[in-house]
Amino acid sequence: LMLPMSVTIPDDAAFAKFKAECLCDDGWSLTYNRGGITVRTQVLEEGKSIHRVKCRMVCEDVPAETMYDVLHDTEYRWRWDTNVIDTFDIGKLTVNADVGYYSWKCPRPLRYRDVVTLRSWLPMGNDYIIMNYSVKHSKYPPRKDMVRAISIQTGYMIQSQGPNRCTLVYLAQVDPRGSLPKWVVNKSSQLLAPRVLKKIHKASLKYSDWKKKHNPCFKPWLFPEQNTLPSIPLSELSIQRAESLEKIDESDVIEQLEKEDSD
């Protein structure tokens, strides 16, 4: 996977490529299959800890439009995402692209992570896609109390399967940073992905009732004229590369994770 040299806003071809990757399972290994959720992984380079994870969930009781709203609604995120420390939008780039900040708790004794990403979204007929990758913004440099993670490419595709049924695919290639051994990255991504998808499913079931009481008409991801974020010129952003970040060594925590696992 070639990283772009400069920050670009994904075009229709990028969305089509992401959709094709969500749908094609050639070259992926199935590592989990339970209760309507599958997890597949793809190792890109032997010996590298960053592989890709693809998680798919079938929901028999949620419309695609609702799940799309849930994944966009930053205010609602605080209700269902138990790992969130902070999340906010920094500014908008176009009607369907913005820059945002997200920080989250990691299992102890790992340090907490944060990320600054360029996010873009596109409804395509019965499909809805949201995807992001890491960027650098001078006003949001890496913090001393967190490890700056890197999203090489992360995204969701929701496919409508009828008025009240949809499929959610989560496709991610994230470098959590820190010299985490391969098995920790692999294990955590395989364990955490289904958990996150189940949370999104539960959150989607409760969203309509919640939204009725919280700015019911405010959906800037559907109505760009509602977006009051300041505009950011692309020139203020650059690609966040792993090499430029401080090396963090967390290998000593591994024994603790192993110990907890065998309890």
Protein backbone atom coordinates (compact mmCIF):
# COMPACT_ATOMS: atom_id res chain seq x y z
CA LEU A 1 0.00 0.00 0.00
CA MET A 2 1.55 3.27 -1.11
CA LEU A 3 1.00 6.21 1.16
CA PRO A 4 0.15 9.42 -0.65
CA MET A 5 2.95 11.98 -0.73
CA SER A 6 0.65 14.88 0.07
CA VAL A 7 -2.74 15.30 1.67
CA THR A 8 -5.55 14.74 -0.80
CA ILE A 9 -9.29 14.54 -0.41
CA PRO A 10 -10.55 11.15 -1.59
CA ASP A 11 -12.32 11.25 -4.95
CA ASP A 12 -15.02 8.92 -6.31
CA ALA A 13 -12.36 6.44 -7.45
CA ALA A 14 -10.97 6.22 -3.89
CA PHE A 15 -14.44 5.45 -2.52
CA ALA A 16 -15.04 2.84 -5.23
CA LYS A 17 -11.70 1.20 -4.40
CA PHE A 18 -12.54 1.14 -0.69
CA LYS A 19 -15.92 -0.44 -1.45
CA ALA A 20 -14.28 -3.11 -3.62
CA GLU A 21 -11.85 -3.93 -0.79
CA CYS A 22 -14.73 -4.25 1.66
CA LEU A 23 -16.52 -6.70 -0.63
CA CYS A 24 -13.62 -8.88 -1.79
CA ASP A 25 -12.27 -11.49 0.64
CA ASP A 26 -9.53 -12.93 -1.59
CA GLY A 27 -6.22 -12.95 0.24
CA TRP A 28 -7.85 -12.55 3.67
CA SER A 29 -7.79 -15.15 6.48
CA LEU A 30 -10.93 -15.73 8.52
CA THR A 31 -10.04 -15.49 12.22
CA TYR A 32 -13.45 -15.12 13.87
CA ASN A 33 -16.98 -16.14 12.93
CA ARG A 34 -19.68 -15.89 15.56
CA GLY A 35 -23.18 -14.46 15.95
CA GLY A 36 -23.36 -12.80 12.55
CA ILE A 37 -19.90 -11.23 12.89
CA THR A 38 -16.81 -12.27 10.94
CA VAL A 39 -13.27 -10.97 11.33
CA ARG A 40 -10.64 -11.39 8.60
CA THR A 41 -7.02 -10.34 8.65
CA GLN A 42 -4.49 -9.73 5.94
CA VAL A 43 -0.77 -9.65 6.54
CA LEU A 44 0.83 -7.21 4.14
CA GLU A 45 4.47 -7.82 4.98
CA GLU A 46 5.84 -10.67 7.02
CA GLY A 47 7.47 -9.44 10.20
CA LYS A 48 5.60 -6.14 10.18
CA SER A 49 3.09 -5.68 12.95
CA ILE A 50 0.71 -3.59 10.89
CA HIS A 51 -1.73 -5.81 9.12
CA ARG A 52 -5.25 -5.08 8.03
CA VAL A 53 -8.43 -6.13 9.77
CA LYS A 54 -11.83 -6.47 8.18
CA CYS A 55 -14.88 -7.02 10.33
CA ARG A 56 -18.35 -7.66 8.93
CA MET A 57 -21.64 -7.67 10.82
CA VAL A 58 -25.16 -8.35 9.61
CA CYS A 59 -27.90 -6.40 11.43
CA GLU A 60 -31.45 -7.66 11.05
CA ASP A 61 -33.07 -4.74 12.89
CA VAL A 62 -31.32 -1.49 11.90
CA PRO A 63 -31.77 0.65 8.76
CA ALA A 64 -28.52 1.62 7.02
CA GLU A 65 -29.40 5.33 7.31
CA THR A 66 -29.59 5.09 11.12
CA MET A 67 -26.22 3.38 11.42
CA TYR A 68 -24.69 6.01 9.14
CA ASP A 69 -26.03 8.74 11.45
CA VAL A 70 -24.67 6.96 14.52
CA LEU A 71 -21.16 6.75 13.05
CA HIS A 72 -21.26 10.47 12.21
CA ASP A 73 -22.88 11.91 15.31
CA THR A 74 -20.03 13.14 17.52
CA GLU A 75 -22.40 14.16 20.31
CA TYR A 76 -23.95 10.69 20.42
CA ARG A 77 -20.53 9.05 20.42
CA TRP A 78 -20.11 9.98 24.09
CA ARG A 79 -23.14 7.83 24.88
CA TRP A 80 -21.95 4.56 23.42
CA ASP A 81 -18.16 4.68 23.01
CA THR A 82 -16.86 3.74 26.45
CA ASN A 83 -13.23 4.14 25.35
CA VAL A 84 -13.47 7.75 24.19
CA ILE A 85 -11.43 10.32 26.13
CA ASP A 86 -12.05 13.22 23.78
CA THR A 87 -13.43 13.69 20.29
CA PHE A 88 -14.10 16.85 18.30
CA ASP A 89 -14.09 18.26 14.78
CA ILE A 90 -11.24 20.67 14.00
CA GLY A 91 -12.43 22.10 10.70
CA LYS A 92 -14.02 21.37 7.35
CA LEU A 93 -12.29 20.87 4.00
CA THR A 94 -15.25 20.32 1.65
CA VAL A 95 -18.94 19.47 1.99
CA ASN A 96 -17.99 15.84 2.62
CA ALA A 97 -14.55 16.02 4.26
CA ASP A 98 -13.30 17.34 7.57
CA VAL A 99 -10.44 17.02 10.04
CA GLY A 100 -11.02 15.68 13.52
CA TYR A 101 -9.36 14.63 16.75
CA TYR A 102 -10.04 11.45 18.72
CA SER A 103 -8.36 10.03 21.81
CA TRP A 104 -9.14 6.75 23.50
CA LYS A 105 -8.32 4.55 26.47
CA CYS A 106 -6.27 1.44 25.84
CA PRO A 107 -6.26 -1.62 28.08
CA ARG A 108 -3.93 -1.09 31.01
CA PRO A 109 -0.99 -0.95 31.24
CA LEU A 110 -0.75 0.47 27.70
CA ARG A 111 -0.63 4.23 27.32
CA TYR A 112 -3.65 6.02 25.92
CA ARG A 113 -3.69 6.78 22.18
CA ASP A 114 -4.84 9.69 20.08
CA VAL A 115 -5.15 10.44 16.40
CA VAL A 116 -5.79 13.38 14.05
CA THR A 117 -7.51 12.30 10.86
CA LEU A 118 -8.89 13.56 7.59
CA ARG A 119 -12.32 12.03 7.31
CA SER A 120 -14.49 11.88 4.22
CA TRP A 121 -17.86 10.33 3.55
CA LEU A 122 -20.12 9.50 0.65
CA PRO A 123 -23.57 7.98 0.30
CA MET A 124 -23.54 5.84 -2.89
CA GLY A 125 -27.07 4.66 -3.61
CA ASN A 126 -27.77 1.97 -1.01
CA ASP A 127 -24.22 2.14 0.31
CA TYR A 128 -22.73 4.59 2.78
CA ILE A 129 -19.00 4.98 3.21
CA ILE A 130 -16.99 6.86 5.85
CA MET A 131 -13.19 6.64 5.74
CA ASN A 132 -10.21 8.37 7.26
CA TYR A 133 -6.43 8.54 7.38
CA SER A 134 -3.97 10.32 9.65
CA VAL A 135 -2.79 13.86 9.00
CA LYS A 136 -0.65 16.37 10.86
CA HIS A 137 -2.03 19.74 11.95
CA SER A 138 0.30 22.25 13.62
CA LYS A 139 -2.26 23.18 16.28
CA TYR A 140 -2.66 19.55 17.39
CA PRO A 141 0.86 18.14 17.79
CA PRO A 142 1.49 14.82 19.60
CA ARG A 143 0.88 15.14 23.34
CA LYS A 144 3.23 14.10 26.12
CA ASP A 145 0.58 12.04 27.92
CA MET A 146 -0.53 10.04 24.88
CA VAL A 147 0.88 7.96 22.07
CA ARG A 148 -0.03 9.38 18.66
CA ALA A 149 -1.38 6.46 16.65
CA ILE A 150 -1.59 6.42 12.88
CA SER A 151 -4.57 5.47 10.77
CA ILE A 152 -3.07 4.38 7.45
CA GLN A 153 -6.62 3.80 6.28
CA THR A 154 -9.70 3.10 8.35
CA GLY A 155 -13.30 3.13 7.30
CA TYR A 156 -16.83 1.83 7.42
CA MET A 157 -19.15 0.72 4.66
CA ILE A 158 -22.83 0.27 5.44
CA GLN A 159 -24.94 -1.53 2.86
CA SER A 160 -28.70 -1.34 2.99
CA GLN A 161 -30.30 -4.80 2.72
CA GLY A 162 -33.89 -3.57 2.94
CA PRO A 163 -35.91 -1.06 5.00
CA ASN A 164 -34.69 -2.34 8.37
CA ARG A 165 -31.66 -4.46 7.62
CA CYS A 166 -28.05 -3.65 6.82
CA THR A 167 -24.49 -4.96 6.73
CA LEU A 168 -21.64 -3.05 8.33
CA VAL A 169 -18.04 -3.59 7.22
CA TYR A 170 -15.19 -2.09 9.21
CA LEU A 171 -11.86 -2.10 7.39
CA ALA A 172 -8.79 -0.83 9.19
CA GLN A 173 -5.08 -0.56 8.89
CA VAL A 174 -3.85 1.25 11.98
CA ASP A 175 -0.36 1.57 13.40
CA PRO A 176 -0.92 1.80 17.17
CA ARG A 177 2.71 2.91 17.59
CA GLY A 178 4.89 1.85 20.47
CA SER A 179 6.99 -1.25 19.90
CA LEU A 180 4.12 -3.60 20.48
CA PRO A 181 4.83 -7.20 19.52
CA LYS A 182 2.90 -8.55 16.61
CA TRP A 183 0.74 -10.90 18.66
CA VAL A 184 -0.56 -8.04 20.81
CA VAL A 185 -1.59 -5.98 17.80
CA ASN A 186 -3.13 -9.04 16.14
CA LYS A 187 -4.91 -10.24 19.22
CA SER A 188 -6.25 -6.85 20.21
CA SER A 189 -7.55 -6.05 16.74
CA GLN A 190 -9.25 -9.42 16.47
CA LEU A 191 -10.81 -9.19 19.93
CA LEU A 192 -11.71 -5.52 19.88
CA ALA A 193 -13.25 -5.27 16.41
CA PRO A 194 -16.27 -7.51 17.14
CA ARG A 195 -16.77 -5.72 20.46
CA VAL A 196 -16.86 -2.32 18.77
CA LEU A 197 -19.28 -3.54 16.10
CA LYS A 198 -21.65 -4.94 18.75
CA LYS A 199 -21.56 -1.55 20.52
CA ILE A 200 -22.37 0.25 17.27
CA HIS A 201 -25.29 -2.13 16.71
CA LYS A 202 -26.67 -1.51 20.21
CA ALA A 203 -26.15 2.23 19.84
CA SER A 204 -28.04 2.20 16.52
CA LEU A 205 -31.08 0.60 18.16
CA LYS A 206 -31.30 3.45 20.68
CA TYR A 207 -30.35 6.33 18.39
CA SER A 208 -33.78 7.41 17.09
CA ASP A 209 -35.18 7.90 20.60
CA TRP A 210 -32.07 9.77 21.71
CA LYS A 211 -31.95 12.00 18.61
CA LYS A 212 -35.57 13.12 19.08
CA LYS A 213 -34.45 14.89 22.27
CA HIS A 214 -31.06 16.17 21.02
CA ASN A 215 -31.09 18.55 18.06
CA PRO A 216 -33.34 16.26 16.00
CA CYS A 217 -32.87 18.23 12.77
CA PHE A 218 -29.13 18.81 13.13
CA LYS A 219 -27.27 16.42 10.82
CA PRO A 220 -24.49 18.37 9.14
CA TRP A 221 -23.19 15.18 7.50
CA LEU A 222 -26.46 15.11 5.50
CA PHE A 223 -27.05 18.86 5.30
CA PRO A 224 -23.72 20.64 4.69
CA GLU A 225 -25.32 24.06 5.14
CA GLN A 226 -25.63 23.22 8.87
CA ASN A 227 -21.87 22.81 9.19
CA THR A 228 -20.46 25.77 11.10
CA LEU A 229 -16.87 24.48 11.36
CA PRO A 230 -14.11 26.82 10.21
CA SER A 231 -12.66 26.01 6.79
CA ILE A 232 -9.15 24.60 6.77
CA PRO A 233 -6.93 24.98 3.69
CA LEU A 234 -5.29 21.71 2.64
CA SER A 235 -1.93 23.49 2.85
CA GLU A 236 -2.23 23.46 6.66
CA LEU A 237 -2.15 19.66 6.67
CA SER A 238 0.56 17.15 5.94
CA ILE A 239 0.74 13.36 5.96
CA GLN A 240 1.44 11.89 9.40
CA ARG A 241 4.23 9.36 9.04
CA ALA A 242 5.36 6.91 11.67
CA GLU A 243 9.04 7.83 11.24
CA SER A 244 8.49 11.37 12.47
CA LEU A 245 6.98 10.28 15.78
CA GLU A 246 8.88 9.61 18.97
CA LYS A 247 9.67 5.93 19.51
CA ILE A 248 7.70 4.52 22.42
CA ASP A 249 8.74 1.26 24.00
CA GLU A 250 5.95 -0.61 25.72
CA SER A 251 7.38 -4.09 25.43
CA ASP A 252 7.57 -4.43 29.21
CA VAL A 253 3.76 -4.37 29.41
CA ILE A 254 3.46 -7.49 27.36
CA GLU A 255 4.07 -9.90 30.20
CA GLN A 256 1.26 -8.24 32.13
CA LEU A 257 -1.14 -8.64 29.22
CA GLU A 258 -0.10 -12.27 28.84
CA LYS A 259 -0.60 -12.87 32.54
CA GLU A 260 -4.09 -11.33 32.48
CA ASP A 261 -4.91 -13.48 29.50
CA SER A 262 -4.06 -16.70 31.29
CA ASP A 263 -6.04 -15.75 34.41
